[in-house]
Amino acid sequence: MAVPQNRKSRAKRGMHRSHDKMARPALSSDPTTGQIHRRHHVAESGYYRGRRVLVVDES
């Protein structure tokens, strides 16, 4: 098992972990409905890239 020879300081540890933060999801708007949705995902209205791909029950 690998064991570090020297202890890493709190500052260096924080620098090492600086890229582990959560990124915000990329959002886009549908050209037909104008709804905001996650990129490469179907909007709540059932539209994807301006075309209706799902029939959504609006009851």
PDB file of N, CA and C in Angstrom:
ATOM      1  N   MET A   1       0.844  -1.176   0.000  1.00  0.00           N
ATOM      2  CA  MET A   1       0.000   0.000   0.000  1.00  0.00           C
ATOM      3  C   MET A   1       0.892   1.243   0.000  1.00  0.00           C
ATOM      4  N   ALA A   2       0.530   2.235  -0.802  1.00  0.00           N
ATOM      5  CA  ALA A   2       1.335   3.452  -0.898  1.00  0.00           C
ATOM      6  C   ALA A   2       1.096   4.343   0.314  1.00  0.00           C
ATOM      7  N   VAL A   3       2.174   4.781   0.929  1.00  0.00           N
ATOM      8  CA  VAL A   3       2.111   5.665   2.090  1.00  0.00           C
ATOM      9  C   VAL A   3       2.991   6.868   1.789  1.00  0.00           C
ATOM     10  N   PRO A   4       2.458   8.103   1.942  1.00  0.00           N
ATOM     11  CA  PRO A   4       3.285   9.268   1.658  1.00  0.00           C
ATOM     12  C   PRO A   4       4.431   9.393   2.657  1.00  0.00           C
ATOM     13  N   GLN A   5       5.592   9.778   2.149  1.00  0.00           N
ATOM     14  CA  GLN A   5       6.762   9.905   3.027  1.00  0.00           C
ATOM     15  C   GLN A   5       6.660  11.153   3.899  1.00  0.00           C
ATOM     16  N   ASN A   6       6.126  12.242   3.335  1.00  0.00           N
ATOM     17  CA  ASN A   6       5.985  13.490   4.086  1.00  0.00           C
ATOM     18  C   ASN A   6       4.523  13.898   4.127  1.00  0.00           C
ATOM     19  N   ARG A   7       4.151  14.533   5.214  1.00  0.00           N
ATOM     20  CA  ARG A   7       2.778  14.988   5.379  1.00  0.00           C
ATOM     21  C   ARG A   7       2.527  16.213   4.496  1.00  0.00           C
ATOM     22  N   LYS A   8       1.334  16.263   3.889  1.00  0.00           N
ATOM     23  CA  LYS A   8       0.971  17.405   3.055  1.00  0.00           C
ATOM     24  C   LYS A   8       0.287  18.450   3.925  1.00  0.00           C
ATOM     25  N   SER A   9       0.704  19.700   3.822  1.00  0.00           N
ATOM     26  CA  SER A   9       0.149  20.766   4.663  1.00  0.00           C
ATOM     27  C   SER A   9      -1.306  21.048   4.286  1.00  0.00           C
ATOM     28  N   ARG A  10      -2.004  21.781   5.164  1.00  0.00           N
ATOM     29  CA  ARG A  10      -3.416  22.108   4.903  1.00  0.00           C
ATOM     30  C   ARG A  10      -3.558  22.923   3.634  1.00  0.00           C
ATOM     31  N   ALA A  11      -2.625  23.843   3.396  1.00  0.00           N
ATOM     32  CA  ALA A  11      -2.696  24.691   2.206  1.00  0.00           C
ATOM     33  C   ALA A  11      -2.499  23.868   0.936  1.00  0.00           C
ATOM     34  N   LYS A  12      -1.516  22.989   0.950  1.00  0.00           N
ATOM     35  CA  LYS A  12      -1.262  22.158  -0.229  1.00  0.00           C
ATOM     36  C   LYS A  12      -2.420  21.189  -0.469  1.00  0.00           C
ATOM     37  N   ARG A  13      -2.988  20.669   0.624  1.00  0.00           N
ATOM     38  CA  ARG A  13      -4.129  19.766   0.496  1.00  0.00           C
ATOM     39  C   ARG A  13      -5.308  20.497  -0.144  1.00  0.00           C
ATOM     40  N   GLY A  14      -5.530  21.755   0.287  1.00  0.00           N
ATOM     41  CA  GLY A  14      -6.613  22.549  -0.283  1.00  0.00           C
ATOM     42  C   GLY A  14      -6.387  22.844  -1.752  1.00  0.00           C
ATOM     43  N   MET A  15      -5.148  23.096  -2.143  1.00  0.00           N
ATOM     44  CA  MET A  15      -4.832  23.344  -3.555  1.00  0.00           C
ATOM     45  C   MET A  15      -5.074  22.081  -4.385  1.00  0.00           C
ATOM     46  N   HIS A  16      -4.774  20.945  -3.807  1.00  0.00           N
ATOM     47  CA  HIS A  16      -4.963  19.669  -4.503  1.00  0.00           C
ATOM     48  C   HIS A  16      -6.446  19.420  -4.760  1.00  0.00           C
ATOM     49  N   ARG A  17      -7.293  19.840  -3.809  1.00  0.00           N
ATOM     50  CA  ARG A  17      -8.726  19.580  -3.914  1.00  0.00           C
ATOM     51  C   ARG A  17      -9.480  20.707  -4.603  1.00  0.00           C
ATOM     52  N   SER A  18      -8.810  21.715  -5.091  1.00  0.00           N
ATOM     53  CA  SER A  18      -9.500  22.887  -5.622  1.00  0.00           C
ATOM     54  C   SER A  18     -10.326  22.570  -6.872  1.00  0.00           C
ATOM     55  N   HIS A  19     -10.013  21.507  -7.577  1.00  0.00           N
ATOM     56  CA  HIS A  19     -10.746  21.168  -8.797  1.00  0.00           C
ATOM     57  C   HIS A  19     -11.876  20.193  -8.542  1.00  0.00           C
ATOM     58  N   ASP A  20     -12.105  19.811  -7.292  1.00  0.00           N
ATOM     59  CA  ASP A  20     -13.130  18.832  -6.978  1.00  0.00           C
ATOM     60  C   ASP A  20     -14.496  19.453  -6.718  1.00  0.00           C
ATOM     61  N   LYS A  21     -14.622  20.761  -6.837  1.00  0.00           N
ATOM     62  CA  LYS A  21     -15.892  21.399  -6.531  1.00  0.00           C
ATOM     63  C   LYS A  21     -16.934  21.061  -7.597  1.00  0.00           C
ATOM     64  N   MET A  22     -18.177  21.193  -7.231  1.00  0.00           N
ATOM     65  CA  MET A  22     -19.274  20.889  -8.140  1.00  0.00           C
ATOM     66  C   MET A  22     -19.416  22.019  -9.167  1.00  0.00           C
ATOM     67  N   ALA A  23     -19.578  21.648 -10.406  1.00  0.00           N
ATOM     68  CA  ALA A  23     -19.785  22.637 -11.460  1.00  0.00           C
ATOM     69  C   ALA A  23     -21.285  22.828 -11.675  1.00  0.00           C
ATOM     70  N   ARG A  24     -21.658  24.019 -12.049  1.00  0.00           N
ATOM     71  CA  ARG A  24     -23.072  24.266 -12.353  1.00  0.00           C
ATOM     72  C   ARG A  24     -23.430  23.554 -13.651  1.00  0.00           C
ATOM     73  N   PRO A  25     -24.651  23.026 -13.746  1.00  0.00           N
ATOM     74  CA  PRO A  25     -25.037  22.346 -14.984  1.00  0.00           C
ATOM     75  C   PRO A  25     -25.164  23.348 -16.136  1.00  0.00           C
ATOM     76  N   ALA A  26     -24.766  22.925 -17.317  1.00  0.00           N
ATOM     77  CA  ALA A  26     -24.875  23.782 -18.492  1.00  0.00           C
ATOM     78  C   ALA A  26     -26.337  23.848 -18.905  1.00  0.00           C
ATOM     79  N   LEU A  27     -26.859  25.048 -19.064  1.00  0.00           N
ATOM     80  CA  LEU A  27     -28.260  25.238 -19.406  1.00  0.00           C
ATOM     81  C   LEU A  27     -28.383  25.827 -20.799  1.00  0.00           C
ATOM     82  N   SER A  28     -29.486  25.521 -21.457  1.00  0.00           N
ATOM     83  CA  SER A  28     -29.781  26.120 -22.750  1.00  0.00           C
ATOM     84  C   SER A  28     -31.278  26.333 -22.830  1.00  0.00           C
ATOM     85  N   SER A  29     -31.708  27.127 -23.791  1.00  0.00           N
ATOM     86  CA  SER A  29     -33.141  27.379 -23.963  1.00  0.00           C
ATOM     87  C   SER A  29     -33.606  26.741 -25.254  1.00  0.00           C
ATOM     88  N   ASP A  30     -34.817  26.206 -25.207  1.00  0.00           N
ATOM     89  CA  ASP A  30     -35.394  25.563 -26.387  1.00  0.00           C
ATOM     90  C   ASP A  30     -35.826  26.634 -27.381  1.00  0.00           C
ATOM     91  N   PRO A  31     -35.500  26.496 -28.665  1.00  0.00           N
ATOM     92  CA  PRO A  31     -35.860  27.546 -29.628  1.00  0.00           C
ATOM     93  C   PRO A  31     -37.360  27.669 -29.867  1.00  0.00           C
ATOM     94  N   THR A  32     -38.112  26.601 -29.667  1.00  0.00           N
ATOM     95  CA  THR A  32     -39.554  26.646 -29.915  1.00  0.00           C
ATOM     96  C   THR A  32     -40.318  27.217 -28.735  1.00  0.00           C
ATOM     97  N   THR A  33     -40.092  26.651 -27.545  1.00  0.00           N
ATOM     98  CA  THR A  33     -40.860  27.057 -26.366  1.00  0.00           C
ATOM     99  C   THR A  33     -40.154  28.110 -25.529  1.00  0.00           C
ATOM    100  N   GLY A  34     -38.844  28.229 -25.646  1.00  0.00           N
ATOM    101  CA  GLY A  34     -38.095  29.176 -24.843  1.00  0.00           C
ATOM    102  C   GLY A  34     -37.830  28.690 -23.429  1.00  0.00           C
ATOM    103  N   GLN A  35     -38.131  27.428 -23.153  1.00  0.00           N
ATOM    104  CA  GLN A  35     -37.908  26.859 -21.826  1.00  0.00           C
ATOM    105  C   GLN A  35     -36.428  26.644 -21.571  1.00  0.00           C
ATOM    106  N   ILE A  36     -36.006  26.869 -20.335  1.00  0.00           N
ATOM    107  CA  ILE A  36     -34.627  26.613 -19.934  1.00  0.00           C
ATOM    108  C   ILE A  36     -34.538  25.161 -19.472  1.00  0.00           C
ATOM    109  N   HIS A  37     -33.554  24.430 -19.994  1.00  0.00           N
ATOM    110  CA  HIS A  37     -33.365  23.027 -19.617  1.00  0.00           C
ATOM    111  C   HIS A  37     -31.888  22.692 -19.672  1.00  0.00           C
ATOM    112  N   ARG A  38     -31.518  21.540 -19.090  1.00  0.00           N
ATOM    113  CA  ARG A  38     -30.133  21.089 -19.148  1.00  0.00           C
ATOM    114  C   ARG A  38     -29.782  20.719 -20.576  1.00  0.00           C
ATOM    115  N   ARG A  39     -28.544  21.009 -20.970  1.00  0.00           N
ATOM    116  CA  ARG A  39     -28.124  20.700 -22.332  1.00  0.00           C
ATOM    117  C   ARG A  39     -28.181  19.206 -22.579  1.00  0.00           C
ATOM    118  N   HIS A  40     -28.561  18.814 -23.788  1.00  0.00           N
ATOM    119  CA  HIS A  40     -28.677  17.433 -24.234  1.00  0.00           C
ATOM    120  C   HIS A  40     -29.744  16.656 -23.469  1.00  0.00           C
ATOM    121  N   HIS A  41     -30.703  17.363 -22.887  1.00  0.00           N
ATOM    122  CA  HIS A  41     -31.826  16.724 -22.210  1.00  0.00           C
ATOM    123  C   HIS A  41     -33.119  17.297 -22.777  1.00  0.00           C
ATOM    124  N   VAL A  42     -34.178  16.522 -22.718  1.00  0.00           N
ATOM    125  CA  VAL A  42     -35.484  16.953 -23.203  1.00  0.00           C
ATOM    126  C   VAL A  42     -36.067  17.952 -22.210  1.00  0.00           C
ATOM    127  N   ALA A  43     -36.687  19.018 -22.721  1.00  0.00           N
ATOM    128  CA  ALA A  43     -37.328  20.011 -21.863  1.00  0.00           C
ATOM    129  C   ALA A  43     -38.597  19.418 -21.258  1.00  0.00           C
ATOM    130  N   GLU A  44     -39.127  20.069 -20.221  1.00  0.00           N
ATOM    131  CA  GLU A  44     -40.323  19.567 -19.551  1.00  0.00           C
ATOM    132  C   GLU A  44     -41.528  19.511 -20.479  1.00  0.00           C
ATOM    133  N   SER A  45     -41.553  20.351 -21.490  1.00  0.00           N
ATOM    134  CA  SER A  45     -42.676  20.359 -22.422  1.00  0.00           C
ATOM    135  C   SER A  45     -42.585  19.250 -23.460  1.00  0.00           C
ATOM    136  N   GLY A  46     -41.469  18.502 -23.488  1.00  0.00           N
ATOM    137  CA  GLY A  46     -41.318  17.398 -24.431  1.00  0.00           C
ATOM    138  C   GLY A  46     -40.570  17.768 -25.696  1.00  0.00           C
ATOM    139  N   TYR A  47     -40.008  18.976 -25.750  1.00  0.00           N
ATOM    140  CA  TYR A  47     -39.291  19.416 -26.943  1.00  0.00           C
ATOM    141  C   TYR A  47     -37.795  19.225 -26.764  1.00  0.00           C
ATOM    142  N   TYR A  48     -37.123  18.842 -27.855  1.00  0.00           N
ATOM    143  CA  TYR A  48     -35.668  18.730 -27.882  1.00  0.00           C
ATOM    144  C   TYR A  48     -35.184  19.282 -29.202  1.00  0.00           C
ATOM    145  N   ARG A  49     -34.351  20.303 -29.144  1.00  0.00           N
ATOM    146  CA  ARG A  49     -33.791  20.978 -30.323  1.00  0.00           C
ATOM    147  C   ARG A  49     -34.878  21.449 -31.274  1.00  0.00           C
ATOM    148  N   GLY A  50     -35.965  21.981 -30.708  1.00  0.00           N
ATOM    149  CA  GLY A  50     -37.027  22.562 -31.523  1.00  0.00           C
ATOM    150  C   GLY A  50     -38.052  21.577 -32.030  1.00  0.00           C
ATOM    151  N   ARG A  51     -37.859  20.287 -31.800  1.00  0.00           N
ATOM    152  CA  ARG A  51     -38.812  19.270 -32.260  1.00  0.00           C
ATOM    153  C   ARG A  51     -39.467  18.597 -31.081  1.00  0.00           C
ATOM    154  N   ARG A  52     -40.733  18.219 -31.223  1.00  0.00           N
ATOM    155  CA  ARG A  52     -41.437  17.506 -30.163  1.00  0.00           C
ATOM    156  C   ARG A  52     -41.030  16.040 -30.224  1.00  0.00           C
ATOM    157  N   VAL A  53     -40.446  15.538 -29.134  1.00  0.00           N
ATOM    158  CA  VAL A  53     -40.016  14.151 -29.089  1.00  0.00           C
ATOM    159  C   VAL A  53     -40.819  13.331 -28.094  1.00  0.00           C
ATOM    160  N   LEU A  54     -41.494  13.985 -27.156  1.00  0.00           N
ATOM    161  CA  LEU A  54     -42.331  13.306 -26.180  1.00  0.00           C
ATOM    162  C   LEU A  54     -43.696  13.981 -26.125  1.00  0.00           C
ATOM    163  N   VAL A  55     -44.723  13.184 -25.977  1.00  0.00           N
ATOM    164  CA  VAL A  55     -46.058  13.738 -25.758  1.00  0.00           C
ATOM    165  C   VAL A  55     -46.268  13.779 -24.247  1.00  0.00           C
ATOM    166  N   VAL A  56     -46.383  15.005 -23.714  1.00  0.00           N
ATOM    167  CA  VAL A  56     -46.490  15.189 -22.277  1.00  0.00           C
ATOM    168  C   VAL A  56     -47.941  15.430 -21.925  1.00  0.00           C
ATOM    169  N   ASP A  57     -48.421  14.693 -20.913  1.00  0.00           N
ATOM    170  CA  ASP A  57     -49.790  14.875 -20.430  1.00  0.00           C
ATOM    171  C   ASP A  57     -49.857  16.122 -19.571  1.00  0.00           C
ATOM    172  N   GLU A  58     -50.650  17.109 -19.938  1.00  0.00           N
ATOM    173  CA  GLU A  58     -50.740  18.364 -19.193  1.00  0.00           C
ATOM    174  C   GLU A  58     -52.025  18.401 -18.408  1.00  0.00           C
ATOM    175  N   SER A  59     -52.204  17.440 -17.485  1.00  0.00           N
ATOM    176  CA  SER A  59     -53.431  17.435 -16.679  1.00  0.00           C
ATOM    177  C   SER A  59     -53.167  17.681 -15.228  1.00  0.00           C
TER     178      SER A  59
END
